[in-house]
């Protein structure tokens, strides 16, 4: 019969969307980030879970919890923006995007982006080429022990 040792140490790290640094910003760029956040939430994601990691560990019985936060700067900017742009374009197939007015039935049937989604993707791609483009994202980390 196998025996398992209980307890141990766990470390978690997750982004928190409350700590974005974006420059230079435009209305279309802000709309693209808001839309992507909405997509995450529609897929049961919590874009603010980073700040809740300490509580999640404590509620799971961990002690001696140490928390910290740091920033990730995306370089080159095009890697992060192309990823976001592709996900936004692919969301044209999402029924919930129709319900919220981000896309329409015609685009849903053809799985092609609406002008709104195309403008968001274009804004991300243009921003990635801006000589002063800057994107940093907050990440929260915790380590805890369990006896």
Foldseek 3Di string as FASTA:
>chain_A
DDDDDDKDKDKDKDFAQVDKDWPPDDPLQVVLVVVVCVVCVVVVHDNHCQVVPVVVCVVVAWPPKDKDKDKDKDPLLQVVLQVSLVVLQQCLLPPVCCVVPLHHPVCNVVSGGDPSSVSSSVVSNVLSPDPPTIIMTMMMMMMTIHD
